[in-house]
């Protein structure tokens, strides 16, 4: 969110729109969700209107944006074993591949899965370096080098 605010402020100062900074591959389709109550709080959060907005709220938004592309092609991957397609049949989502097909965890909203993955990276980056954390996320092992990490480095 901090990055989005800085980007918005700087774009206003130089007279450009935030949209002009968004590469076409990251321009997401709109997501419709209902507001949800956070446990222990009475306030209702406003749901994100786009998947990109949901990711932009995350602390580890750059990593999550990359994972979204890798795991589901930003929701366009049509492989029959794709977790996001399985979740869609249940009326839910998991376009970030969290938990993999072995767990088949599905979430009510894209905001929910982004929050879970963001929390996962916050916890795991406290113990592991980024290469280890990405390999743990993608392969289930916190090794130093894996295809998942090598692809991420190419950014």
N, C-alpha and C. Protein backbone atom coordinates (compact mmCIF):
# COMPACT_ATOMS: atom_id res chain seq x y z
N UNK A 1 0.83 -1.18 0.00
CA UNK A 1 0.00 0.00 0.00
C UNK A 1 0.87 1.24 0.00
N UNK A 2 1.99 1.20 0.74
CA UNK A 2 2.91 2.32 0.79
C UNK A 2 3.43 2.64 -0.60
N UNK A 3 3.78 1.59 -1.37
CA UNK A 3 4.31 1.79 -2.72
C UNK A 3 3.25 2.40 -3.63
N UNK A 4 2.01 1.98 -3.47
CA UNK A 4 0.92 2.51 -4.28
C UNK A 4 0.70 3.98 -3.95
N UNK A 5 0.77 4.36 -2.67
CA UNK A 5 0.59 5.74 -2.26
C UNK A 5 1.70 6.61 -2.82
N UNK A 6 2.94 6.16 -2.72
CA UNK A 6 4.08 6.91 -3.26
C UNK A 6 3.93 7.06 -4.76
N UNK A 7 3.56 6.00 -5.43
CA UNK A 7 3.37 6.03 -6.88
C UNK A 7 2.26 7.01 -7.25
N UNK A 8 1.17 7.01 -6.50
CA UNK A 8 0.05 7.90 -6.77
C UNK A 8 0.46 9.35 -6.55
N UNK A 9 1.13 9.63 -5.45
CA UNK A 9 1.56 11.00 -5.16
C UNK A 9 2.53 11.50 -6.22
N UNK A 10 3.51 10.67 -6.56
CA UNK A 10 4.48 11.10 -7.56
C UNK A 10 3.83 11.28 -8.93
N UNK A 11 2.84 10.46 -9.24
CA UNK A 11 2.19 10.60 -10.55
C UNK A 11 1.36 11.88 -10.61
N UNK A 12 0.77 12.27 -9.48
CA UNK A 12 0.02 13.52 -9.45
C UNK A 12 0.97 14.69 -9.63
N UNK A 13 2.13 14.63 -8.97
CA UNK A 13 3.10 15.72 -9.06
C UNK A 13 3.59 15.90 -10.49
N UNK A 14 3.86 14.83 -11.19
CA UNK A 14 4.37 14.97 -12.55
C UNK A 14 3.27 14.90 -13.61
N UNK A 15 2.03 14.78 -13.16
CA UNK A 15 0.91 14.86 -14.09
C UNK A 15 0.62 13.60 -14.87
N UNK A 16 1.03 12.44 -14.36
CA UNK A 16 0.74 11.19 -15.04
C UNK A 16 -0.27 10.40 -14.23
N UNK A 17 -0.92 9.47 -14.87
CA UNK A 17 -1.86 8.62 -14.15
C UNK A 17 -1.14 7.38 -13.65
N UNK A 18 -1.63 6.80 -12.57
CA UNK A 18 -1.06 5.57 -12.03
C UNK A 18 -1.18 4.45 -13.06
N UNK A 19 -2.25 4.45 -13.83
CA UNK A 19 -2.46 3.42 -14.83
C UNK A 19 -1.31 3.35 -15.82
N UNK A 20 -0.68 4.51 -16.11
CA UNK A 20 0.40 4.50 -17.08
C UNK A 20 1.63 3.76 -16.57
N UNK A 21 1.75 3.57 -15.26
CA UNK A 21 2.87 2.84 -14.69
C UNK A 21 2.61 1.35 -14.63
N UNK A 22 1.42 0.91 -14.89
CA UNK A 22 1.06 -0.49 -14.75
C UNK A 22 1.26 -1.22 -16.06
N UNK A 23 2.23 -2.16 -16.09
CA UNK A 23 2.43 -2.92 -17.32
C UNK A 23 1.17 -3.68 -17.69
N UNK A 24 0.89 -3.83 -18.98
CA UNK A 24 -0.32 -4.52 -19.41
C UNK A 24 -0.46 -5.92 -18.82
N UNK A 25 0.66 -6.63 -18.59
CA UNK A 25 0.54 -7.99 -18.07
C UNK A 25 0.03 -8.01 -16.62
N UNK A 26 0.08 -6.85 -15.92
CA UNK A 26 -0.39 -6.80 -14.54
C UNK A 26 -1.75 -6.14 -14.41
N UNK A 27 -2.37 -5.80 -15.50
CA UNK A 27 -3.70 -5.21 -15.43
C UNK A 27 -4.71 -6.34 -15.32
N UNK A 28 -5.27 -6.49 -14.14
CA UNK A 28 -6.11 -7.65 -13.82
C UNK A 28 -7.57 -7.40 -14.14
N UNK A 29 -8.28 -8.51 -14.20
CA UNK A 29 -9.73 -8.46 -14.35
C UNK A 29 -10.35 -8.09 -13.01
N UNK A 30 -11.50 -7.47 -13.05
CA UNK A 30 -12.18 -7.08 -11.81
C UNK A 30 -12.63 -8.32 -11.05
N UNK A 31 -12.56 -8.21 -9.74
CA UNK A 31 -13.01 -9.29 -8.86
C UNK A 31 -14.15 -8.73 -8.05
N UNK A 32 -15.24 -9.43 -7.99
CA UNK A 32 -16.33 -8.98 -7.15
C UNK A 32 -16.36 -9.82 -5.88
N UNK A 33 -16.30 -9.13 -4.77
CA UNK A 33 -16.34 -9.81 -3.48
C UNK A 33 -17.23 -9.02 -2.55
N UNK A 34 -17.73 -9.68 -1.53
CA UNK A 34 -18.53 -9.01 -0.52
C UNK A 34 -17.62 -8.60 0.63
N UNK A 35 -17.92 -7.48 1.31
CA UNK A 35 -17.13 -7.10 2.47
C UNK A 35 -17.15 -8.21 3.50
N UNK A 36 -16.05 -8.35 4.21
CA UNK A 36 -15.98 -9.39 5.22
C UNK A 36 -15.55 -8.80 6.54
N UNK A 37 -16.01 -9.37 7.63
CA UNK A 37 -15.62 -8.91 8.95
C UNK A 37 -14.34 -9.61 9.37
N UNK A 38 -13.45 -8.85 9.97
CA UNK A 38 -12.21 -9.39 10.49
C UNK A 38 -12.52 -9.89 11.91
N UNK A 39 -12.05 -11.08 12.23
CA UNK A 39 -12.32 -11.66 13.55
C UNK A 39 -11.87 -10.70 14.64
N UNK A 40 -12.73 -10.46 15.59
CA UNK A 40 -12.40 -9.62 16.72
C UNK A 40 -12.57 -8.13 16.47
N UNK A 41 -12.94 -7.74 15.27
CA UNK A 41 -13.13 -6.34 14.97
C UNK A 41 -14.54 -6.13 14.42
N UNK A 42 -15.09 -4.98 14.71
CA UNK A 42 -16.44 -4.72 14.25
C UNK A 42 -16.46 -4.03 12.89
N UNK A 43 -15.33 -3.48 12.47
CA UNK A 43 -15.28 -2.77 11.19
C UNK A 43 -15.35 -3.75 10.03
N UNK A 44 -15.96 -3.32 8.95
CA UNK A 44 -16.01 -4.11 7.73
C UNK A 44 -15.01 -3.52 6.75
N UNK A 45 -14.13 -4.37 6.21
CA UNK A 45 -13.14 -3.91 5.25
C UNK A 45 -13.76 -3.82 3.87
N UNK A 46 -13.32 -2.83 3.12
CA UNK A 46 -13.76 -2.70 1.74
C UNK A 46 -12.95 -3.70 0.91
N UNK A 47 -13.61 -4.58 0.17
CA UNK A 47 -12.88 -5.55 -0.65
C UNK A 47 -12.20 -4.85 -1.83
N UNK A 48 -11.17 -5.48 -2.33
CA UNK A 48 -10.47 -4.95 -3.49
C UNK A 48 -11.37 -5.07 -4.71
N UNK A 49 -11.23 -4.13 -5.62
CA UNK A 49 -12.03 -4.18 -6.84
C UNK A 49 -11.31 -4.92 -7.95
N UNK A 50 -9.99 -5.04 -7.85
CA UNK A 50 -9.23 -5.80 -8.84
C UNK A 50 -8.24 -6.70 -8.11
N UNK A 51 -7.78 -7.69 -8.79
CA UNK A 51 -6.77 -8.59 -8.22
C UNK A 51 -5.47 -7.82 -8.01
N UNK A 52 -5.16 -6.93 -8.92
CA UNK A 52 -3.96 -6.11 -8.80
C UNK A 52 -4.03 -5.25 -7.53
N UNK A 53 -5.21 -4.70 -7.24
CA UNK A 53 -5.38 -3.90 -6.02
C UNK A 53 -5.17 -4.76 -4.78
N UNK A 54 -5.70 -5.97 -4.79
CA UNK A 54 -5.52 -6.87 -3.65
C UNK A 54 -4.04 -7.16 -3.42
N UNK A 55 -3.30 -7.40 -4.48
CA UNK A 55 -1.87 -7.67 -4.36
C UNK A 55 -1.12 -6.41 -3.92
N UNK A 56 -1.53 -5.25 -4.40
CA UNK A 56 -0.89 -3.99 -4.04
C UNK A 56 -0.96 -3.67 -2.56
N UNK A 57 -1.92 -4.24 -1.85
CA UNK A 57 -2.06 -4.03 -0.41
C UNK A 57 -1.06 -4.87 0.40
N UNK A 58 -0.47 -5.87 -0.23
CA UNK A 58 0.40 -6.81 0.47
C UNK A 58 1.79 -6.24 0.72
N UNK A 59 2.38 -6.63 1.83
CA UNK A 59 3.75 -6.24 2.17
C UNK A 59 4.73 -6.78 1.13
N UNK A 60 4.51 -8.00 0.69
CA UNK A 60 5.40 -8.67 -0.27
C UNK A 60 4.76 -8.70 -1.66
N UNK A 61 4.23 -7.56 -2.07
CA UNK A 61 3.44 -7.50 -3.30
C UNK A 61 4.23 -7.90 -4.54
N UNK A 62 5.54 -7.58 -4.61
CA UNK A 62 6.31 -7.94 -5.80
C UNK A 62 6.41 -9.45 -5.94
N UNK A 63 6.65 -10.13 -4.83
CA UNK A 63 6.75 -11.59 -4.84
C UNK A 63 5.40 -12.20 -5.21
N UNK A 64 4.34 -11.68 -4.62
CA UNK A 64 3.01 -12.23 -4.85
C UNK A 64 2.57 -12.00 -6.30
N UNK A 65 2.91 -10.85 -6.87
CA UNK A 65 2.56 -10.60 -8.27
C UNK A 65 3.26 -11.62 -9.16
N UNK A 66 4.52 -11.90 -8.88
CA UNK A 66 5.27 -12.88 -9.66
C UNK A 66 4.67 -14.28 -9.49
N UNK A 67 4.32 -14.64 -8.26
CA UNK A 67 3.71 -15.95 -8.00
C UNK A 67 2.40 -16.08 -8.75
N UNK A 68 1.61 -15.03 -8.77
CA UNK A 68 0.32 -15.05 -9.48
C UNK A 68 0.54 -15.37 -10.95
N UNK A 69 1.57 -14.77 -11.54
CA UNK A 69 1.89 -15.04 -12.95
C UNK A 69 2.34 -16.49 -13.12
N UNK A 70 3.20 -16.96 -12.23
CA UNK A 70 3.76 -18.31 -12.35
C UNK A 70 2.72 -19.40 -12.11
N UNK A 71 1.93 -19.24 -11.08
CA UNK A 71 1.02 -20.31 -10.65
C UNK A 71 -0.24 -20.43 -11.49
N UNK A 72 -0.76 -19.31 -11.96
CA UNK A 72 -2.02 -19.41 -12.70
C UNK A 72 -2.04 -18.58 -13.98
N UNK A 73 -0.91 -18.02 -14.35
CA UNK A 73 -0.92 -17.15 -15.53
C UNK A 73 -1.89 -16.01 -15.33
N UNK A 74 -1.94 -15.51 -14.07
CA UNK A 74 -2.88 -14.46 -13.67
C UNK A 74 -4.32 -14.91 -13.91
N UNK A 75 -4.57 -16.17 -13.62
CA UNK A 75 -5.91 -16.71 -13.74
C UNK A 75 -6.27 -17.26 -15.10
N UNK A 76 -5.33 -17.25 -16.04
CA UNK A 76 -5.64 -17.69 -17.41
C UNK A 76 -5.13 -19.09 -17.72
N UNK A 77 -4.33 -19.68 -16.85
CA UNK A 77 -3.77 -21.01 -17.08
C UNK A 77 -4.90 -22.03 -17.17
N UNK A 78 -4.89 -22.84 -18.20
CA UNK A 78 -5.97 -23.81 -18.42
C UNK A 78 -5.53 -25.26 -18.23
N UNK A 79 -4.37 -25.48 -17.56
CA UNK A 79 -3.92 -26.85 -17.32
C UNK A 79 -4.96 -27.58 -16.47
N UNK A 80 -5.29 -28.81 -16.80
CA UNK A 80 -6.34 -29.52 -16.07
C UNK A 80 -6.02 -29.75 -14.59
N UNK A 81 -4.75 -29.75 -14.22
CA UNK A 81 -4.39 -29.95 -12.82
C UNK A 81 -4.17 -28.63 -12.07
N UNK A 82 -4.58 -27.52 -12.66
CA UNK A 82 -4.39 -26.21 -12.04
C UNK A 82 -5.30 -26.05 -10.82
N UNK A 83 -4.70 -25.65 -9.72
CA UNK A 83 -5.44 -25.47 -8.47
C UNK A 83 -6.53 -24.42 -8.60
N UNK A 84 -6.24 -23.33 -9.31
CA UNK A 84 -7.26 -22.28 -9.42
C UNK A 84 -8.49 -22.76 -10.18
N UNK A 85 -8.32 -23.69 -11.12
CA UNK A 85 -9.48 -24.23 -11.83
C UNK A 85 -10.30 -25.14 -10.91
N UNK A 86 -9.61 -25.94 -10.11
CA UNK A 86 -10.29 -26.78 -9.12
C UNK A 86 -11.11 -25.90 -8.17
N UNK A 87 -10.49 -24.84 -7.66
CA UNK A 87 -11.19 -23.97 -6.71
C UNK A 87 -12.39 -23.26 -7.37
N UNK A 88 -12.25 -22.89 -8.63
CA UNK A 88 -13.37 -22.26 -9.34
C UNK A 88 -14.60 -23.17 -9.38
N UNK A 89 -14.37 -24.47 -9.50
CA UNK A 89 -15.51 -25.39 -9.53
C UNK A 89 -16.26 -25.38 -8.20
N UNK A 90 -15.60 -24.95 -7.14
CA UNK A 90 -16.22 -24.84 -5.82
C UNK A 90 -16.73 -23.43 -5.55
N UNK A 91 -16.58 -22.54 -6.52
CA UNK A 91 -16.99 -21.15 -6.33
C UNK A 91 -16.01 -20.37 -5.47
N UNK A 92 -14.76 -20.83 -5.43
CA UNK A 92 -13.73 -20.19 -4.62
C UNK A 92 -12.51 -19.88 -5.48
N UNK A 93 -11.40 -19.48 -4.84
CA UNK A 93 -10.21 -19.12 -5.59
C UNK A 93 -8.94 -19.54 -4.87
N UNK A 94 -7.89 -19.76 -5.64
CA UNK A 94 -6.52 -19.91 -5.15
C UNK A 94 -5.61 -19.80 -6.36
N UNK A 95 -5.52 -18.61 -6.92
CA UNK A 95 -4.69 -18.38 -8.10
C UNK A 95 -3.22 -18.24 -7.76
N UNK A 96 -2.87 -18.34 -6.47
CA UNK A 96 -1.48 -18.25 -6.06
C UNK A 96 -0.89 -19.63 -5.77
N UNK A 97 -1.67 -20.67 -5.96
CA UNK A 97 -1.16 -22.02 -5.79
C UNK A 97 -0.80 -22.39 -4.37
N UNK A 98 -1.26 -21.63 -3.40
CA UNK A 98 -0.87 -21.86 -2.00
C UNK A 98 -1.36 -23.23 -1.53
N UNK A 99 -0.43 -24.05 -1.06
CA UNK A 99 -0.77 -25.39 -0.58
C UNK A 99 -0.72 -26.46 -1.64
N UNK A 100 -0.75 -26.06 -2.90
CA UNK A 100 -0.64 -27.00 -4.00
C UNK A 100 -1.83 -27.94 -4.13
N UNK A 101 -1.78 -28.79 -5.13
CA UNK A 101 -2.86 -29.74 -5.39
C UNK A 101 -2.95 -30.81 -4.31
N UNK A 102 -1.85 -31.03 -3.57
CA UNK A 102 -1.91 -32.04 -2.51
C UNK A 102 -2.83 -31.58 -1.37
N UNK A 103 -2.93 -30.28 -1.12
CA UNK A 103 -3.80 -29.77 -0.06
C UNK A 103 -5.15 -29.26 -0.58
N UNK A 104 -5.14 -28.71 -1.78
CA UNK A 104 -6.35 -28.17 -2.41
C UNK A 104 -7.09 -27.17 -1.52
N UNK A 105 -6.33 -26.20 -0.99
CA UNK A 105 -6.94 -25.14 -0.19
C UNK A 105 -7.53 -24.10 -1.11
N UNK A 106 -8.78 -23.75 -0.87
CA UNK A 106 -9.48 -22.75 -1.67
C UNK A 106 -9.99 -21.66 -0.74
N UNK A 107 -10.10 -20.46 -1.25
CA UNK A 107 -10.46 -19.29 -0.44
C UNK A 107 -11.67 -18.59 -1.04
N UNK A 108 -12.40 -17.89 -0.19
CA UNK A 108 -13.61 -17.21 -0.64
C UNK A 108 -13.31 -16.06 -1.58
N UNK A 109 -12.22 -15.34 -1.32
CA UNK A 109 -11.89 -14.19 -2.16
C UNK A 109 -10.40 -14.19 -2.49
N UNK A 110 -10.06 -13.45 -3.52
CA UNK A 110 -8.66 -13.27 -3.89
C UNK A 110 -7.93 -12.53 -2.78
N UNK A 111 -8.60 -11.56 -2.14
CA UNK A 111 -8.01 -10.86 -1.00
C UNK A 111 -7.58 -11.84 0.08
N UNK A 112 -8.40 -12.86 0.33
CA UNK A 112 -8.09 -13.85 1.37
C UNK A 112 -6.80 -14.59 1.07
N UNK A 113 -6.67 -15.12 -0.14
CA UNK A 113 -5.48 -15.90 -0.48
C UNK A 113 -4.24 -15.00 -0.53
N UNK A 114 -4.38 -13.77 -0.98
CA UNK A 114 -3.24 -12.84 -0.97
C UNK A 114 -2.79 -12.60 0.47
N UNK A 115 -3.74 -12.42 1.38
CA UNK A 115 -3.40 -12.22 2.79
C UNK A 115 -2.69 -13.41 3.39
N UNK A 116 -3.14 -14.61 3.06
CA UNK A 116 -2.51 -15.83 3.57
C UNK A 116 -1.08 -15.95 3.05
N UNK A 117 -0.89 -15.72 1.76
CA UNK A 117 0.44 -15.83 1.17
C UNK A 117 1.36 -14.72 1.69
N UNK A 118 0.84 -13.52 1.86
CA UNK A 118 1.63 -12.42 2.40
C UNK A 118 2.09 -12.76 3.82
N UNK A 119 1.19 -13.28 4.64
CA UNK A 119 1.55 -13.70 6.00
C UNK A 119 2.59 -14.83 5.97
N UNK A 120 2.42 -15.77 5.05
CA UNK A 120 3.36 -16.88 4.92
C UNK A 120 4.76 -16.35 4.64
N UNK A 121 4.88 -15.40 3.70
CA UNK A 121 6.20 -14.85 3.39
C UNK A 121 6.74 -14.02 4.54
N UNK A 122 5.90 -13.29 5.23
CA UNK A 122 6.37 -12.53 6.39
C UNK A 122 6.99 -13.47 7.42
N UNK A 123 6.32 -14.56 7.72
CA UNK A 123 6.83 -15.53 8.70
C UNK A 123 8.08 -16.24 8.20
N UNK A 124 8.08 -16.70 6.97
CA UNK A 124 9.20 -17.48 6.46
C UNK A 124 10.43 -16.65 6.13
N UNK A 125 10.25 -15.40 5.73
CA UNK A 125 11.41 -14.55 5.46
C UNK A 125 12.10 -14.11 6.74
N UNK A 126 11.46 -14.33 7.88
CA UNK A 126 12.11 -14.08 9.17
C UNK A 126 13.15 -15.16 9.45
N UNK A 127 13.01 -16.32 8.84
CA UNK A 127 13.91 -17.45 9.06
C UNK A 127 14.80 -17.77 7.86
N UNK A 128 14.30 -17.51 6.66
CA UNK A 128 15.01 -17.91 5.45
C UNK A 128 15.33 -16.69 4.60
N UNK A 129 16.36 -16.84 3.78
CA UNK A 129 16.65 -15.85 2.73
C UNK A 129 15.61 -16.05 1.63
N UNK A 130 15.45 -15.05 0.76
CA UNK A 130 14.44 -15.13 -0.29
C UNK A 130 14.57 -16.37 -1.17
N UNK A 131 15.78 -16.76 -1.62
CA UNK A 131 15.87 -17.97 -2.45
C UNK A 131 15.31 -19.21 -1.75
N UNK A 132 15.64 -19.35 -0.46
CA UNK A 132 15.15 -20.50 0.31
C UNK A 132 13.63 -20.44 0.47
N UNK A 133 13.10 -19.25 0.74
CA UNK A 133 11.65 -19.10 0.93
C UNK A 133 10.90 -19.40 -0.36
N UNK A 134 11.41 -18.92 -1.49
CA UNK A 134 10.74 -19.20 -2.77
C UNK A 134 10.79 -20.68 -3.11
N UNK A 135 11.92 -21.33 -2.83
CA UNK A 135 12.01 -22.77 -3.09
C UNK A 135 11.08 -23.54 -2.16
N UNK A 136 10.96 -23.09 -0.93
CA UNK A 136 10.03 -23.72 0.02
C UNK A 136 8.59 -23.56 -0.48
N UNK A 137 8.25 -22.36 -0.94
CA UNK A 137 6.89 -22.11 -1.44
C UNK A 137 6.60 -22.95 -2.68
N UNK A 138 7.53 -22.96 -3.62
CA UNK A 138 7.29 -23.63 -4.89
C UNK A 138 7.51 -25.14 -4.88
N UNK A 139 8.45 -25.61 -4.05
CA UNK A 139 8.81 -27.03 -4.07
C UNK A 139 8.59 -27.76 -2.75
N UNK A 140 8.41 -26.99 -1.68
CA UNK A 140 8.24 -27.61 -0.37
C UNK A 140 9.55 -27.86 0.35
N UNK A 141 10.66 -27.36 -0.22
CA UNK A 141 11.98 -27.52 0.40
C UNK A 141 12.70 -26.18 0.42
N UNK A 142 13.29 -25.79 1.57
CA UNK A 142 13.99 -24.51 1.65
C UNK A 142 15.44 -24.60 1.16
N UNK A 143 15.61 -25.02 -0.07
CA UNK A 143 16.96 -25.16 -0.63
C UNK A 143 17.43 -23.82 -1.19
N UNK A 144 18.74 -23.71 -1.44
CA UNK A 144 19.33 -22.45 -1.91
C UNK A 144 19.04 -22.13 -3.37
N UNK A 145 18.84 -23.17 -4.17
CA UNK A 145 18.70 -22.95 -5.60
C UNK A 145 17.67 -23.93 -6.17
N UNK A 146 16.73 -23.38 -6.90
CA UNK A 146 15.71 -24.21 -7.56
C UNK A 146 15.18 -23.44 -8.76
N UNK A 147 14.45 -24.11 -9.60
CA UNK A 147 13.89 -23.46 -10.79
C UNK A 147 13.00 -22.29 -10.44
N UNK A 148 12.26 -22.42 -9.36
CA UNK A 148 11.35 -21.34 -8.94
C UNK A 148 12.17 -20.09 -8.63
N UNK A 149 13.25 -20.21 -7.89
CA UNK A 149 14.12 -19.08 -7.56
C UNK A 149 14.81 -18.55 -8.81
N UNK A 150 15.32 -19.43 -9.67
CA UNK A 150 16.01 -18.99 -10.87
C UNK A 150 15.10 -18.17 -11.78
N UNK A 151 13.84 -18.57 -11.90
CA UNK A 151 12.88 -17.80 -12.71
C UNK A 151 12.63 -16.43 -12.07
N UNK A 152 12.53 -16.39 -10.76
CA UNK A 152 12.28 -15.13 -10.05
C UNK A 152 13.45 -14.16 -10.25
N UNK A 153 14.68 -14.66 -10.23
CA UNK A 153 15.86 -13.82 -10.40
C UNK A 153 15.89 -13.13 -11.76
N UNK A 154 15.22 -13.71 -12.72
CA UNK A 154 15.24 -13.16 -14.08
C UNK A 154 14.43 -11.87 -14.23
N UNK A 155 13.69 -11.52 -13.20
CA UNK A 155 12.89 -10.29 -13.27
C UNK A 155 13.71 -9.08 -13.60
